[in-house]
Amino acid sequence: YDVGLTSASDTIRIIWAYLLAMLEVDRKFHTNHPGFLVFDEPRQQGAEKVSFDALLHRAAQTADANQQVIFTTSEDKSLLEAMLATIKCKYTRFDGKILKPI
């Protein structure tokens, strides 16, 4: 559905909102939602840092409902750690590639 927005960052923020909304709906109504989300490089469409920070803060609220949101990102370490400083979360950093040939 074309909502009339022109930028990729506008579109990605709509997708983020939809995904989180479906997760949050599951808190009040019986749905088939598995109770977790996985975001892979959510800023790849050029969303502003302030938008990504807001996404992280909203996603952190899922812990109170026994839900989980997992993020994978190659975001700058210092920026990401600054964003996570005020969020209750588990942060695991991997140096290099996570999957490697044996």
N, C-alpha and C. Protein backbone atom coordinates (compact mmCIF):
# COMPACT_ATOMS: atom_id res chain seq x y z
N TYR A 1 0.84 -1.17 0.00
CA TYR A 1 0.00 0.00 0.00
C TYR A 1 0.89 1.23 0.00
N ASP A 2 0.67 2.13 -0.91
CA ASP A 2 1.45 3.36 -0.99
C ASP A 2 0.83 4.40 -0.07
N VAL A 3 1.55 4.75 1.00
CA VAL A 3 1.02 5.72 1.96
C VAL A 3 1.38 7.14 1.58
N GLY A 4 2.02 7.32 0.43
CA GLY A 4 2.31 8.65 -0.07
C GLY A 4 3.59 9.26 0.46
N LEU A 5 4.39 8.49 1.16
CA LEU A 5 5.66 9.00 1.65
C LEU A 5 6.74 8.68 0.63
N THR A 6 7.75 9.49 0.59
CA THR A 6 8.73 9.32 -0.48
C THR A 6 10.05 8.72 -0.03
N SER A 7 10.38 8.82 1.23
CA SER A 7 11.71 8.37 1.62
C SER A 7 11.70 6.94 2.14
N ALA A 8 12.82 6.27 1.96
CA ALA A 8 12.97 4.91 2.48
C ALA A 8 12.92 4.91 4.00
N SER A 9 13.43 5.97 4.64
CA SER A 9 13.41 6.01 6.10
C SER A 9 11.99 6.16 6.63
N ASP A 10 11.12 6.89 5.92
CA ASP A 10 9.71 6.97 6.33
C ASP A 10 9.07 5.59 6.26
N THR A 11 9.33 4.91 5.18
CA THR A 11 8.75 3.57 4.99
C THR A 11 9.24 2.61 6.05
N ILE A 12 10.53 2.65 6.37
CA ILE A 12 11.05 1.69 7.34
C ILE A 12 10.49 1.98 8.73
N ARG A 13 10.27 3.24 9.06
CA ARG A 13 9.67 3.56 10.36
C ARG A 13 8.24 3.05 10.45
N ILE A 14 7.51 3.07 9.35
CA ILE A 14 6.15 2.51 9.32
C ILE A 14 6.21 1.00 9.55
N ILE A 15 7.17 0.35 8.92
CA ILE A 15 7.32 -1.10 9.10
C ILE A 15 7.68 -1.42 10.55
N TRP A 16 8.62 -0.65 11.12
CA TRP A 16 8.97 -0.87 12.54
C TRP A 16 7.74 -0.75 13.41
N ALA A 17 6.96 0.31 13.20
CA ALA A 17 5.77 0.55 14.02
C ALA A 17 4.77 -0.59 13.88
N TYR A 18 4.58 -1.07 12.66
CA TYR A 18 3.64 -2.17 12.42
C TYR A 18 4.11 -3.44 13.15
N LEU A 19 5.38 -3.77 13.01
CA LEU A 19 5.90 -4.99 13.64
C LEU A 19 5.77 -4.93 15.16
N LEU A 20 6.14 -3.79 15.75
CA LEU A 20 6.01 -3.66 17.19
C LEU A 20 4.54 -3.65 17.62
N ALA A 21 3.68 -3.05 16.82
CA ALA A 21 2.25 -3.02 17.15
C ALA A 21 1.67 -4.42 17.18
N MET A 22 2.05 -5.26 16.23
CA MET A 22 1.54 -6.63 16.21
C MET A 22 2.01 -7.40 17.44
N LEU A 23 3.25 -7.15 17.86
CA LEU A 23 3.77 -7.77 19.07
C LEU A 23 2.99 -7.28 20.29
N GLU A 24 2.72 -5.99 20.34
CA GLU A 24 2.00 -5.42 21.48
C GLU A 24 0.53 -5.84 21.52
N VAL A 25 -0.08 -6.03 20.38
CA VAL A 25 -1.47 -6.52 20.34
C VAL A 25 -1.57 -7.88 21.01
N ASP A 26 -0.54 -8.68 20.85
CA ASP A 26 -0.53 -10.02 21.43
C ASP A 26 -0.57 -9.99 22.96
N ARG A 27 -0.26 -8.87 23.55
CA ARG A 27 -0.30 -8.76 25.02
C ARG A 27 -1.73 -8.72 25.55
N LYS A 28 -2.66 -8.22 24.74
CA LYS A 28 -4.04 -8.04 25.21
C LYS A 28 -5.03 -9.00 24.58
N PHE A 29 -4.66 -9.54 23.43
CA PHE A 29 -5.58 -10.41 22.70
C PHE A 29 -4.86 -11.69 22.32
N HIS A 30 -5.62 -12.78 22.24
CA HIS A 30 -5.04 -14.04 21.81
C HIS A 30 -4.78 -13.95 20.30
N THR A 31 -3.55 -14.10 19.93
CA THR A 31 -3.17 -14.10 18.51
C THR A 31 -2.23 -15.27 18.26
N ASN A 32 -1.79 -15.40 17.03
CA ASN A 32 -0.81 -16.43 16.68
C ASN A 32 0.62 -15.89 16.69
N HIS A 33 0.79 -14.70 17.22
CA HIS A 33 2.13 -14.10 17.24
C HIS A 33 3.03 -14.92 18.16
N PRO A 34 4.26 -15.22 17.73
CA PRO A 34 5.14 -16.04 18.57
C PRO A 34 5.71 -15.31 19.79
N GLY A 35 5.53 -14.00 19.88
CA GLY A 35 5.99 -13.27 21.06
C GLY A 35 7.42 -12.77 20.97
N PHE A 36 7.98 -12.78 19.76
CA PHE A 36 9.32 -12.22 19.60
C PHE A 36 9.47 -11.65 18.20
N LEU A 37 10.42 -10.74 18.06
CA LEU A 37 10.75 -10.14 16.77
C LEU A 37 12.26 -10.20 16.58
N VAL A 38 12.68 -10.23 15.33
CA VAL A 38 14.09 -10.13 14.99
C VAL A 38 14.23 -9.02 13.97
N PHE A 39 15.05 -8.03 14.30
CA PHE A 39 15.37 -6.95 13.37
C PHE A 39 16.80 -7.16 12.89
N ASP A 40 16.98 -7.25 11.59
CA ASP A 40 18.31 -7.41 11.00
C ASP A 40 18.68 -6.10 10.31
N GLU A 41 19.67 -5.40 10.86
CA GLU A 41 20.13 -4.12 10.32
C GLU A 41 18.98 -3.14 10.11
N PRO A 42 18.28 -2.78 11.18
CA PRO A 42 17.10 -1.92 11.01
C PRO A 42 17.41 -0.52 10.47
N ARG A 43 18.64 -0.06 10.56
CA ARG A 43 18.96 1.29 10.05
C ARG A 43 19.49 1.27 8.62
N GLN A 44 19.45 0.14 7.95
CA GLN A 44 20.05 0.06 6.63
C GLN A 44 19.35 0.94 5.60
N GLN A 45 18.15 1.37 5.87
CA GLN A 45 17.45 2.25 4.94
C GLN A 45 17.69 3.71 5.24
N GLY A 46 18.65 4.00 6.12
CA GLY A 46 19.03 5.39 6.39
C GLY A 46 18.16 6.10 7.40
N ALA A 47 17.50 5.37 8.28
CA ALA A 47 16.69 6.02 9.31
C ALA A 47 17.61 6.82 10.24
N GLU A 48 17.10 7.92 10.72
CA GLU A 48 17.87 8.79 11.62
C GLU A 48 18.21 8.06 12.92
N LYS A 49 19.30 8.47 13.53
CA LYS A 49 19.73 7.86 14.79
C LYS A 49 18.67 8.03 15.87
N VAL A 50 18.01 9.18 15.90
CA VAL A 50 16.98 9.42 16.91
C VAL A 50 15.82 8.44 16.73
N SER A 51 15.50 8.07 15.50
CA SER A 51 14.43 7.09 15.24
C SER A 51 14.86 5.70 15.71
N PHE A 52 16.10 5.34 15.44
CA PHE A 52 16.62 4.05 15.87
C PHE A 52 16.64 3.97 17.40
N ASP A 53 17.05 5.05 18.04
CA ASP A 53 17.07 5.11 19.50
C ASP A 53 15.66 4.91 20.05
N ALA A 54 14.68 5.55 19.44
CA ALA A 54 13.28 5.40 19.87
C ALA A 54 12.81 3.96 19.68
N LEU A 55 13.22 3.34 18.59
CA LEU A 55 12.88 1.93 18.34
C LEU A 55 13.45 1.04 19.43
N LEU A 56 14.71 1.25 19.78
CA LEU A 56 15.34 0.44 20.82
C LEU A 56 14.62 0.60 22.16
N HIS A 57 14.26 1.84 22.50
CA HIS A 57 13.57 2.08 23.76
C HIS A 57 12.18 1.42 23.78
N ARG A 58 11.47 1.53 22.68
CA ARG A 58 10.13 0.91 22.61
C ARG A 58 10.25 -0.61 22.66
N ALA A 59 11.21 -1.16 21.95
CA ALA A 59 11.40 -2.61 21.93
C ALA A 59 11.77 -3.15 23.31
N ALA A 60 12.50 -2.36 24.09
CA ALA A 60 12.93 -2.79 25.42
C ALA A 60 11.73 -3.01 26.34
N GLN A 61 10.63 -2.38 26.07
CA GLN A 61 9.42 -2.54 26.89
C GLN A 61 8.83 -3.95 26.80
N THR A 62 9.23 -4.69 25.78
CA THR A 62 8.67 -6.03 25.59
C THR A 62 9.08 -6.98 26.71
N ALA A 63 10.20 -6.72 27.36
CA ALA A 63 10.66 -7.60 28.43
C ALA A 63 9.64 -7.68 29.56
N ASP A 64 8.97 -6.57 29.84
CA ASP A 64 7.96 -6.55 30.90
C ASP A 64 6.78 -7.47 30.59
N ALA A 65 6.60 -7.79 29.33
CA ALA A 65 5.50 -8.67 28.92
C ALA A 65 6.00 -10.08 28.56
N ASN A 66 7.22 -10.40 28.99
CA ASN A 66 7.83 -11.70 28.67
C ASN A 66 7.91 -11.95 27.17
N GLN A 67 8.16 -10.89 26.43
CA GLN A 67 8.39 -10.99 25.00
C GLN A 67 9.85 -10.62 24.73
N GLN A 68 10.28 -10.84 23.51
CA GLN A 68 11.68 -10.60 23.20
C GLN A 68 11.83 -9.98 21.82
N VAL A 69 12.75 -9.03 21.72
CA VAL A 69 13.11 -8.44 20.44
C VAL A 69 14.62 -8.56 20.31
N ILE A 70 15.06 -9.12 19.21
CA ILE A 70 16.49 -9.32 18.94
C ILE A 70 16.89 -8.40 17.80
N PHE A 71 17.99 -7.69 17.99
CA PHE A 71 18.54 -6.82 16.96
C PHE A 71 19.90 -7.33 16.54
N THR A 72 20.15 -7.34 15.24
CA THR A 72 21.50 -7.52 14.74
C THR A 72 21.84 -6.24 13.99
N THR A 73 23.01 -5.71 14.26
CA THR A 73 23.39 -4.45 13.62
C THR A 73 24.90 -4.32 13.55
N SER A 74 25.34 -3.61 12.56
CA SER A 74 26.76 -3.27 12.45
C SER A 74 26.95 -1.79 12.81
N GLU A 75 26.01 -1.26 13.59
CA GLU A 75 26.06 0.12 14.04
C GLU A 75 27.37 0.38 14.78
N ASP A 76 27.86 1.61 14.70
CA ASP A 76 29.07 2.00 15.40
C ASP A 76 28.96 1.64 16.89
N LYS A 77 30.00 0.99 17.42
CA LYS A 77 29.98 0.48 18.79
C LYS A 77 29.70 1.59 19.81
N SER A 78 30.39 2.70 19.71
CA SER A 78 30.22 3.76 20.71
C SER A 78 28.81 4.37 20.64
N LEU A 79 28.29 4.55 19.44
CA LEU A 79 26.94 5.08 19.29
C LEU A 79 25.91 4.12 19.87
N LEU A 80 26.05 2.84 19.53
CA LEU A 80 25.10 1.83 20.02
C LEU A 80 25.15 1.72 21.54
N GLU A 81 26.35 1.69 22.10
CA GLU A 81 26.46 1.57 23.55
C GLU A 81 25.88 2.80 24.25
N ALA A 82 26.01 3.97 23.65
CA ALA A 82 25.41 5.18 24.22
C ALA A 82 23.88 5.08 24.20
N MET A 83 23.33 4.54 23.11
CA MET A 83 21.87 4.37 23.01
C MET A 83 21.36 3.35 24.03
N LEU A 84 22.15 2.31 24.27
CA LEU A 84 21.71 1.24 25.16
C LEU A 84 21.97 1.54 26.63
N ALA A 85 22.70 2.61 26.92
CA ALA A 85 23.09 2.92 28.30
C ALA A 85 21.91 3.07 29.25
N THR A 86 20.79 3.53 28.76
CA THR A 86 19.62 3.76 29.62
C THR A 86 18.52 2.72 29.41
N ILE A 87 18.85 1.66 28.69
CA ILE A 87 17.86 0.63 28.38
C ILE A 87 18.23 -0.65 29.11
N LYS A 88 17.24 -1.28 29.73
CA LYS A 88 17.45 -2.58 30.34
C LYS A 88 17.42 -3.62 29.22
N CYS A 89 18.58 -4.18 28.94
CA CYS A 89 18.67 -5.17 27.85
C CYS A 89 19.90 -6.03 28.04
N LYS A 90 19.98 -7.07 27.24
CA LYS A 90 21.20 -7.88 27.18
C LYS A 90 21.88 -7.55 25.87
N TYR A 91 23.10 -7.08 25.97
CA TYR A 91 23.87 -6.67 24.79
C TYR A 91 25.05 -7.61 24.63
N THR A 92 25.14 -8.25 23.49
CA THR A 92 26.25 -9.13 23.18
C THR A 92 26.92 -8.62 21.93
N ARG A 93 28.21 -8.36 22.03
CA ARG A 93 28.97 -7.86 20.89
C ARG A 93 29.83 -8.99 20.34
N PHE A 94 29.84 -9.10 19.02
CA PHE A 94 30.68 -10.08 18.33
C PHE A 94 31.69 -9.30 17.48
N ASP A 95 32.93 -9.62 17.63
CA ASP A 95 33.95 -9.03 16.78
C ASP A 95 34.14 -9.92 15.57
N GLY A 96 34.07 -9.35 14.40
CA GLY A 96 34.19 -10.13 13.18
C GLY A 96 32.87 -10.82 12.84
N LYS A 97 32.95 -11.84 12.05
CA LYS A 97 31.76 -12.57 11.62
C LYS A 97 31.31 -13.54 12.69
N ILE A 98 30.00 -13.66 12.82
CA ILE A 98 29.45 -14.59 13.82
C ILE A 98 29.56 -16.02 13.32
N LEU A 99 29.21 -16.23 12.06
CA LEU A 99 29.29 -17.57 11.47
C LEU A 99 30.58 -17.68 10.67
N LYS A 100 31.38 -18.68 11.00
CA LYS A 100 32.66 -18.87 10.33
C LYS A 100 32.81 -20.35 9.96
N PRO A 101 33.52 -20.61 8.87
CA PRO A 101 33.77 -22.02 8.54
C PRO A 101 34.63 -22.69 9.60
N ILE A 102 34.37 -23.93 9.82
CA ILE A 102 35.15 -24.69 10.81
C ILE A 102 36.41 -25.20 10.15
